[in-house]
Amino acid sequence: MQAVLQAHVDNAISKTIHVPAETPFEAFAGVYERAYEKGLKGCTTFRPAAGVEAVLGPVAERAAPCGADASLKRIARAAESR
């Protein structure tokens, strides 16, 4: 759908494509190859990687900076009670 509209727009249009972490690299690279073949001016992907913290997630699961552990626990309890 993006490729059809892209032909009539000067600016890049980009929607994020979520790719599962277990996707082989060849298939992941294929996303960009297909975007190029379709004439897209922009292509954004999100592929979770092991060992990298997600942008969004439960507060209790994130690593706390030194001295911030008690504050995060207090915030998490307050959020859970809502």
PDB file of N, CA and C in Angstrom:
ATOM      1  N   MET A   1       0.829  -1.179   0.000  1.00  0.00           N
ATOM      2  CA  MET A   1       0.000   0.000   0.000  1.00  0.00           C
ATOM      3  C   MET A   1       0.881   1.253   0.000  1.00  0.00           C
ATOM      4  N   GLN A   2       1.951   1.219   0.770  1.00  0.00           N
ATOM      5  CA  GLN A   2       2.854   2.370   0.829  1.00  0.00           C
ATOM      6  C   GLN A   2       3.470   2.641  -0.546  1.00  0.00           C
ATOM      7  N   ALA A   3       3.800   1.591  -1.273  1.00  0.00           N
ATOM      8  CA  ALA A   3       4.441   1.756  -2.579  1.00  0.00           C
ATOM      9  C   ALA A   3       3.508   2.432  -3.582  1.00  0.00           C
ATOM     10  N   VAL A   4       2.218   2.137  -3.506  1.00  0.00           N
ATOM     11  CA  VAL A   4       1.254   2.742  -4.430  1.00  0.00           C
ATOM     12  C   VAL A   4       1.170   4.245  -4.202  1.00  0.00           C
ATOM     13  N   LEU A   5       1.094   4.676  -2.950  1.00  0.00           N
ATOM     14  CA  LEU A   5       0.989   6.093  -2.624  1.00  0.00           C
ATOM     15  C   LEU A   5       2.322   6.818  -2.829  1.00  0.00           C
ATOM     16  N   GLN A   6       3.439   6.113  -2.569  1.00  0.00           N
ATOM     17  CA  GLN A   6       4.763   6.743  -2.638  1.00  0.00           C
ATOM     18  C   GLN A   6       5.021   7.385  -3.997  1.00  0.00           C
ATOM     19  N   ALA A   7       4.505   6.810  -5.061  1.00  0.00           N
ATOM     20  CA  ALA A   7       4.733   7.340  -6.408  1.00  0.00           C
ATOM     21  C   ALA A   7       4.144   8.737  -6.594  1.00  0.00           C
ATOM     22  N   HIS A   8       3.203   9.128  -5.746  1.00  0.00           N
ATOM     23  CA  HIS A   8       2.520  10.412  -5.894  1.00  0.00           C
ATOM     24  C   HIS A   8       2.927  11.437  -4.827  1.00  0.00           C
ATOM     25  N   VAL A   9       3.939  11.109  -4.025  1.00  0.00           N
ATOM     26  CA  VAL A   9       4.361  11.965  -2.921  1.00  0.00           C
ATOM     27  C   VAL A   9       5.861  12.231  -3.037  1.00  0.00           C
ATOM     28  N   ASP A  10       6.264  13.485  -2.836  1.00  0.00           N
ATOM     29  CA  ASP A  10       7.684  13.828  -2.920  1.00  0.00           C
ATOM     30  C   ASP A  10       8.480  13.358  -1.704  1.00  0.00           C
ATOM     31  N   ASN A  11       7.871  13.421  -0.542  1.00  0.00           N
ATOM     32  CA  ASN A  11       8.565  13.038   0.687  1.00  0.00           C
ATOM     33  C   ASN A  11       8.513  11.533   0.897  1.00  0.00           C
ATOM     34  N   ALA A  12       9.404  11.050   1.741  1.00  0.00           N
ATOM     35  CA  ALA A  12       9.397   9.634   2.086  1.00  0.00           C
ATOM     36  C   ALA A  12       8.227   9.348   3.028  1.00  0.00           C
ATOM     37  N   ILE A  13       7.640   8.201   2.845  1.00  0.00           N
ATOM     38  CA  ILE A  13       6.605   7.722   3.755  1.00  0.00           C
ATOM     39  C   ILE A  13       7.220   6.506   4.417  1.00  0.00           C
ATOM     40  N   SER A  14       7.144   6.401   5.728  1.00  0.00           N
ATOM     41  CA  SER A  14       7.731   5.254   6.393  1.00  0.00           C
ATOM     42  C   SER A  14       6.835   4.776   7.520  1.00  0.00           C
ATOM     43  N   LYS A  15       6.514   3.517   7.486  1.00  0.00           N
ATOM     44  CA  LYS A  15       5.809   2.857   8.570  1.00  0.00           C
ATOM     45  C   LYS A  15       6.759   1.808   9.119  1.00  0.00           C
ATOM     46  N   THR A  16       6.781   1.631  10.415  1.00  0.00           N
ATOM     47  CA  THR A  16       7.683   0.658  11.020  1.00  0.00           C
ATOM     48  C   THR A  16       7.185  -0.757  10.770  1.00  0.00           C
ATOM     49  N   ILE A  17       8.076  -1.593  10.298  1.00  0.00           N
ATOM     50  CA  ILE A  17       7.784  -3.005  10.064  1.00  0.00           C
ATOM     51  C   ILE A  17       8.382  -3.780  11.234  1.00  0.00           C
ATOM     52  N   HIS A  18       7.537  -4.451  12.001  1.00  0.00           N
ATOM     53  CA  HIS A  18       8.001  -5.253  13.139  1.00  0.00           C
ATOM     54  C   HIS A  18       8.374  -6.644  12.640  1.00  0.00           C
ATOM     55  N   VAL A  19       9.606  -7.052  12.910  1.00  0.00           N
ATOM     56  CA  VAL A  19      10.120  -8.340  12.460  1.00  0.00           C
ATOM     57  C   VAL A  19      10.451  -9.164  13.698  1.00  0.00           C
ATOM     58  N   PRO A  20       9.939 -10.402  13.794  1.00  0.00           N
ATOM     59  CA  PRO A  20      10.249 -11.237  14.960  1.00  0.00           C
ATOM     60  C   PRO A  20      11.761 -11.463  15.109  1.00  0.00           C
ATOM     61  N   ALA A  21      12.222 -11.582  16.340  1.00  0.00           N
ATOM     62  CA  ALA A  21      13.649 -11.762  16.621  1.00  0.00           C
ATOM     63  C   ALA A  21      14.202 -13.030  15.979  1.00  0.00           C
ATOM     64  N   GLU A  22      13.378 -14.064  15.826  1.00  0.00           N
ATOM     65  CA  GLU A  22      13.871 -15.332  15.273  1.00  0.00           C
ATOM     66  C   GLU A  22      13.940 -15.350  13.744  1.00  0.00           C
ATOM     67  N   THR A  23      13.607 -14.238  13.097  1.00  0.00           N
ATOM     68  CA  THR A  23      13.669 -14.155  11.638  1.00  0.00           C
ATOM     69  C   THR A  23      15.120 -14.267  11.177  1.00  0.00           C
ATOM     70  N   PRO A  24      15.407 -15.170  10.222  1.00  0.00           N
ATOM     71  CA  PRO A  24      16.783 -15.292   9.716  1.00  0.00           C
ATOM     72  C   PRO A  24      17.237 -13.990   9.042  1.00  0.00           C
ATOM     73  N   PHE A  25      18.536 -13.745   9.057  1.00  0.00           N
ATOM     74  CA  PHE A  25      19.059 -12.505   8.496  1.00  0.00           C
ATOM     75  C   PHE A  25      18.673 -12.337   7.031  1.00  0.00           C
ATOM     76  N   GLU A  26      18.685 -13.417   6.256  1.00  0.00           N
ATOM     77  CA  GLU A  26      18.349 -13.334   4.836  1.00  0.00           C
ATOM     78  C   GLU A  26      16.937 -12.783   4.635  1.00  0.00           C
ATOM     79  N   ALA A  27      15.993 -13.252   5.451  1.00  0.00           N
ATOM     80  CA  ALA A  27      14.612 -12.765   5.350  1.00  0.00           C
ATOM     81  C   ALA A  27      14.527 -11.306   5.807  1.00  0.00           C
ATOM     82  N   PHE A  28      15.293 -10.971   6.853  1.00  0.00           N
ATOM     83  CA  PHE A  28      15.316  -9.596   7.355  1.00  0.00           C
ATOM     84  C   PHE A  28      15.856  -8.656   6.281  1.00  0.00           C
ATOM     85  N   ALA A  29      16.933  -9.064   5.623  1.00  0.00           N
ATOM     86  CA  ALA A  29      17.513  -8.261   4.542  1.00  0.00           C
ATOM     87  C   ALA A  29      16.525  -8.139   3.383  1.00  0.00           C
ATOM     88  N   GLY A  30      15.712  -9.173   3.184  1.00  0.00           N
ATOM     89  CA  GLY A  30      14.715  -9.160   2.119  1.00  0.00           C
ATOM     90  C   GLY A  30      13.690  -8.050   2.273  1.00  0.00           C
ATOM     91  N   VAL A  31      13.437  -7.621   3.497  1.00  0.00           N
ATOM     92  CA  VAL A  31      12.505  -6.507   3.745  1.00  0.00           C
ATOM     93  C   VAL A  31      13.020  -5.253   3.035  1.00  0.00           C
ATOM     94  N   TYR A  32      14.315  -4.977   3.196  1.00  0.00           N
ATOM     95  CA  TYR A  32      14.910  -3.791   2.572  1.00  0.00           C
ATOM     96  C   TYR A  32      15.006  -3.943   1.051  1.00  0.00           C
ATOM     97  N   GLU A  33      15.312  -5.149   0.604  1.00  0.00           N
ATOM     98  CA  GLU A  33      15.391  -5.380  -0.839  1.00  0.00           C
ATOM     99  C   GLU A  33      14.031  -5.163  -1.502  1.00  0.00           C
ATOM    100  N   ARG A  34      12.979  -5.661  -0.864  1.00  0.00           N
ATOM    101  CA  ARG A  34      11.642  -5.487  -1.433  1.00  0.00           C
ATOM    102  C   ARG A  34      11.241  -4.004  -1.412  1.00  0.00           C
ATOM    103  N   ALA A  35      11.565  -3.300  -0.342  1.00  0.00           N
ATOM    104  CA  ALA A  35      11.252  -1.871  -0.269  1.00  0.00           C
ATOM    105  C   ALA A  35      11.945  -1.121  -1.408  1.00  0.00           C
ATOM    106  N   TYR A  36      13.198  -1.476  -1.681  1.00  0.00           N
ATOM    107  CA  TYR A  36      13.940  -0.840  -2.774  1.00  0.00           C
ATOM    108  C   TYR A  36      13.289  -1.162  -4.123  1.00  0.00           C
ATOM    109  N   GLU A  37      12.949  -2.430  -4.315  1.00  0.00           N
ATOM    110  CA  GLU A  37      12.317  -2.848  -5.578  1.00  0.00           C
ATOM    111  C   GLU A  37      10.984  -2.139  -5.811  1.00  0.00           C
ATOM    112  N   LYS A  38      10.252  -1.860  -4.724  1.00  0.00           N
ATOM    113  CA  LYS A  38       8.956  -1.197  -4.835  1.00  0.00           C
ATOM    114  C   LYS A  38       9.081   0.313  -4.994  1.00  0.00           C
ATOM    115  N   GLY A  39      10.307   0.843  -4.865  1.00  0.00           N
ATOM    116  CA  GLY A  39      10.528   2.272  -5.040  1.00  0.00           C
ATOM    117  C   GLY A  39      10.244   3.110  -3.801  1.00  0.00           C
ATOM    118  N   LEU A  40      10.267   2.480  -2.626  1.00  0.00           N
ATOM    119  CA  LEU A  40      10.024   3.234  -1.397  1.00  0.00           C
ATOM    120  C   LEU A  40      11.212   4.144  -1.101  1.00  0.00           C
ATOM    121  N   LYS A  41      10.916   5.320  -0.575  1.00  0.00           N
ATOM    122  CA  LYS A  41      11.973   6.270  -0.214  1.00  0.00           C
ATOM    123  C   LYS A  41      12.384   6.109   1.245  1.00  0.00           C
ATOM    124  N   GLY A  42      11.618   5.325   2.001  1.00  0.00           N
ATOM    125  CA  GLY A  42      11.933   5.096   3.407  1.00  0.00           C
ATOM    126  C   GLY A  42      11.456   3.727   3.842  1.00  0.00           C
ATOM    127  N   CYS A  43      12.221   3.094   4.721  1.00  0.00           N
ATOM    128  CA  CYS A  43      11.850   1.790   5.267  1.00  0.00           C
ATOM    129  C   CYS A  43      12.423   1.709   6.682  1.00  0.00           C
ATOM    130  N   THR A  44      11.556   1.520   7.652  1.00  0.00           N
ATOM    131  CA  THR A  44      11.981   1.432   9.044  1.00  0.00           C
ATOM    132  C   THR A  44      11.587   0.065   9.577  1.00  0.00           C
ATOM    133  N   THR A  45      12.521  -0.602  10.256  1.00  0.00           N
ATOM    134  CA  THR A  45      12.213  -1.900  10.838  1.00  0.00           C
ATOM    135  C   THR A  45      12.505  -1.886  12.326  1.00  0.00           C
ATOM    136  N   PHE A  46      11.831  -2.775  13.043  1.00  0.00           N
ATOM    137  CA  PHE A  46      12.128  -3.005  14.460  1.00  0.00           C
ATOM    138  C   PHE A  46      12.276  -4.498  14.632  1.00  0.00           C
ATOM    139  N   ARG A  47      13.416  -4.909  15.091  1.00  0.00           N
ATOM    140  CA  ARG A  47      13.693  -6.329  15.346  1.00  0.00           C
ATOM    141  C   ARG A  47      14.311  -6.431  16.724  1.00  0.00           C
ATOM    142  N   PRO A  48      13.587  -7.020  17.692  1.00  0.00           N
ATOM    143  CA  PRO A  48      14.139  -7.129  19.043  1.00  0.00           C
ATOM    144  C   PRO A  48      15.435  -7.937  19.033  1.00  0.00           C
ATOM    145  N   ALA A  49      16.376  -7.519  19.841  1.00  0.00           N
ATOM    146  CA  ALA A  49      17.661  -8.219  19.928  1.00  0.00           C
ATOM    147  C   ALA A  49      17.895  -8.667  21.366  1.00  0.00           C
ATOM    148  N   ALA A  50      18.406  -9.855  21.512  1.00  0.00           N
ATOM    149  CA  ALA A  50      18.710 -10.374  22.846  1.00  0.00           C
ATOM    150  C   ALA A  50      19.759  -9.487  23.514  1.00  0.00           C
ATOM    151  N   GLY A  51      19.561  -9.212  24.777  1.00  0.00           N
ATOM    152  CA  GLY A  51      20.521  -8.419  25.522  1.00  0.00           C
ATOM    153  C   GLY A  51      20.343  -6.923  25.390  1.00  0.00           C
ATOM    154  N   VAL A  52      19.381  -6.492  24.600  1.00  0.00           N
ATOM    155  CA  VAL A  52      19.112  -5.066  24.448  1.00  0.00           C
ATOM    156  C   VAL A  52      17.765  -4.771  25.086  1.00  0.00           C
ATOM    157  N   GLU A  53      17.726  -3.775  25.952  1.00  0.00           N
ATOM    158  CA  GLU A  53      16.499  -3.441  26.658  1.00  0.00           C
ATOM    159  C   GLU A  53      15.491  -2.814  25.710  1.00  0.00           C
ATOM    160  N   ALA A  54      14.246  -3.237  25.832  1.00  0.00           N
ATOM    161  CA  ALA A  54      13.178  -2.670  25.020  1.00  0.00           C
ATOM    162  C   ALA A  54      12.862  -1.257  25.494  1.00  0.00           C
ATOM    163  N   VAL A  55      12.327  -0.450  24.600  1.00  0.00           N
ATOM    164  CA  VAL A  55      11.966   0.913  24.940  1.00  0.00           C
ATOM    165  C   VAL A  55      10.823   0.917  25.939  1.00  0.00           C
ATOM    166  N   LEU A  56       9.841   0.073  25.707  1.00  0.00           N
ATOM    167  CA  LEU A  56       8.700  -0.011  26.600  1.00  0.00           C
ATOM    168  C   LEU A  56       8.710  -1.362  27.294  1.00  0.00           C
ATOM    169  N   GLY A  57       8.394  -1.360  28.559  1.00  0.00           N
ATOM    170  CA  GLY A  57       8.334  -2.605  29.311  1.00  0.00           C
ATOM    171  C   GLY A  57       7.995  -2.304  30.752  1.00  0.00           C
ATOM    172  N   PRO A  58       7.635  -3.333  31.496  1.00  0.00           N
ATOM    173  CA  PRO A  58       7.308  -3.131  32.914  1.00  0.00           C
ATOM    174  C   PRO A  58       8.490  -2.536  33.658  1.00  0.00           C
ATOM    175  N   VAL A  59       8.207  -1.602  34.523  1.00  0.00           N
ATOM    176  CA  VAL A  59       9.260  -0.918  35.285  1.00  0.00           C
ATOM    177  C   VAL A  59      10.077  -1.908  36.101  1.00  0.00           C
ATOM    178  N   ALA A  60       9.425  -2.897  36.680  1.00  0.00           N
ATOM    179  CA  ALA A  60      10.114  -3.853  37.544  1.00  0.00           C
ATOM    180  C   ALA A  60      11.140  -4.689  36.780  1.00  0.00           C
ATOM    181  N   GLU A  61      10.997  -4.848  35.479  1.00  0.00           N
ATOM    182  CA  GLU A  61      11.915  -5.666  34.703  1.00  0.00           C
ATOM    183  C   GLU A  61      13.131  -4.892  34.205  1.00  0.00           C
ATOM    184  N   ARG A  62      13.130  -3.587  34.264  1.00  0.00           N
ATOM    185  CA  ARG A  62      14.247  -2.791  33.775  1.00  0.00           C
ATOM    186  C   ARG A  62      15.360  -2.714  34.816  1.00  0.00           C
ATOM    187  N   ALA A  63      16.564  -2.617  34.347  1.00  0.00           N
ATOM    188  CA  ALA A  63      17.693  -2.455  35.260  1.00  0.00           C
ATOM    189  C   ALA A  63      17.661  -1.058  35.857  1.00  0.00           C
ATOM    190  N   ALA A  64      17.886  -0.969  37.148  1.00  0.00           N
ATOM    191  CA  ALA A  64      17.839   0.317  37.831  1.00  0.00           C
ATOM    192  C   ALA A  64      19.246   0.875  38.006  1.00  0.00           C
ATOM    193  N   PRO A  65      19.430   2.189  37.779  1.00  0.00           N
ATOM    194  CA  PRO A  65      20.721   2.798  38.062  1.00  0.00           C
ATOM    195  C   PRO A  65      20.995   2.750  39.568  1.00  0.00           C
ATOM    196  N   CYS A  66      22.250   2.869  39.951  1.00  0.00           N
ATOM    197  CA  CYS A  66      22.630   2.822  41.370  1.00  0.00           C
ATOM    198  C   CYS A  66      21.785   3.776  42.202  1.00  0.00           C
ATOM    199  N   GLY A  67      21.215   3.283  43.294  1.00  0.00           N
ATOM    200  CA  GLY A  67      20.448   4.117  44.195  1.00  0.00           C
ATOM    201  C   GLY A  67      19.017   4.362  43.763  1.00  0.00           C
ATOM    202  N   ALA A  68      18.641   3.935  42.594  1.00  0.00           N
ATOM    203  CA  ALA A  68      17.292   4.207  42.101  1.00  0.00           C
ATOM    204  C   ALA A  68      16.351   3.028  42.297  1.00  0.00           C
ATOM    205  N   ASP A  69      16.851   1.902  42.809  1.00  0.00           N
ATOM    206  CA  ASP A  69      16.045   0.698  42.932  1.00  0.00           C
ATOM    207  C   ASP A  69      14.800   0.924  43.793  1.00  0.00           C
ATOM    208  N   ALA A  70      14.939   1.577  44.936  1.00  0.00           N
ATOM    209  CA  ALA A  70      13.801   1.819  45.830  1.00  0.00           C
ATOM    210  C   ALA A  70      12.773   2.733  45.173  1.00  0.00           C
ATOM    211  N   SER A  71      13.235   3.743  44.468  1.00  0.00           N
ATOM    212  CA  SER A  71      12.321   4.656  43.789  1.00  0.00           C
ATOM    213  C   SER A  71      11.532   3.939  42.707  1.00  0.00           C
ATOM    214  N   LEU A  72      12.198   3.085  41.938  1.00  0.00           N
ATOM    215  CA  LEU A  72      11.508   2.345  40.881  1.00  0.00           C
ATOM    216  C   LEU A  72      10.470   1.386  41.455  1.00  0.00           C
ATOM    217  N   LYS A  73      10.807   0.746  42.570  1.00  0.00           N
ATOM    218  CA  LYS A  73       9.846  -0.166  43.197  1.00  0.00           C
ATOM    219  C   LYS A  73       8.624   0.598  43.673  1.00  0.00           C
ATOM    220  N   ARG A  74       8.825   1.788  44.228  1.00  0.00           N
ATOM    221  CA  ARG A  74       7.714   2.616  44.691  1.00  0.00           C
ATOM    222  C   ARG A  74       6.837   3.039  43.509  1.00  0.00           C
ATOM    223  N   ILE A  75       7.444   3.415  42.412  1.00  0.00           N
ATOM    224  CA  ILE A  75       6.703   3.801  41.217  1.00  0.00           C
ATOM    225  C   ILE A  75       5.939   2.609  40.654  1.00  0.00           C
ATOM    226  N   ALA A  76       6.580   1.453  40.634  1.00  0.00           N
ATOM    227  CA  ALA A  76       5.921   0.252  40.113  1.00  0.00           C
ATOM    228  C   ALA A  76       4.710  -0.119  40.962  1.00  0.00           C
ATOM    229  N   ARG A  77       4.832  -0.031  42.291  1.00  0.00           N
ATOM    230  CA  ARG A  77       3.688  -0.329  43.164  1.00  0.00           C
ATOM    231  C   ARG A  77       2.554   0.651  42.929  1.00  0.00           C
ATOM    232  N   ALA A  78       2.884   1.924  42.743  1.00  0.00           N
ATOM    233  CA  ALA A  78       1.853   2.927  42.496  1.00  0.00           C
ATOM    234  C   ALA A  78       1.144   2.676  41.160  1.00  0.00           C
ATOM    235  N   ALA A  79       1.903   2.283  40.150  1.00  0.00           N
ATOM    236  CA  ALA A  79       1.302   2.005  38.839  1.00  0.00           C
ATOM    237  C   ALA A  79       0.412   0.774  38.891  1.00  0.00           C
ATOM    238  N   GLU A  80       0.836  -0.250  39.629  1.00  0.00           N
ATOM    239  CA  GLU A  80       0.053  -1.476  39.734  1.00  0.00           C
ATOM    240  C   GLU A  80      -1.256  -1.256  40.497  1.00  0.00           C
ATOM    241  N   SER A  81      -1.275  -0.301  41.403  1.00  0.00           N
ATOM    242  CA  SER A  81      -2.474  -0.068  42.217  1.00  0.00           C
ATOM    243  C   SER A  81      -3.525   0.738  41.477  1.00  0.00           C
ATOM    244  N   ARG A  82      -3.197   1.260  40.307  1.00  0.00           N
ATOM    245  CA  ARG A  82      -4.165   2.057  39.535  1.00  0.00           C
ATOM    246  C   ARG A  82      -5.075   1.198  38.728  1.00  0.00           C
TER     247      ARG A  82
END
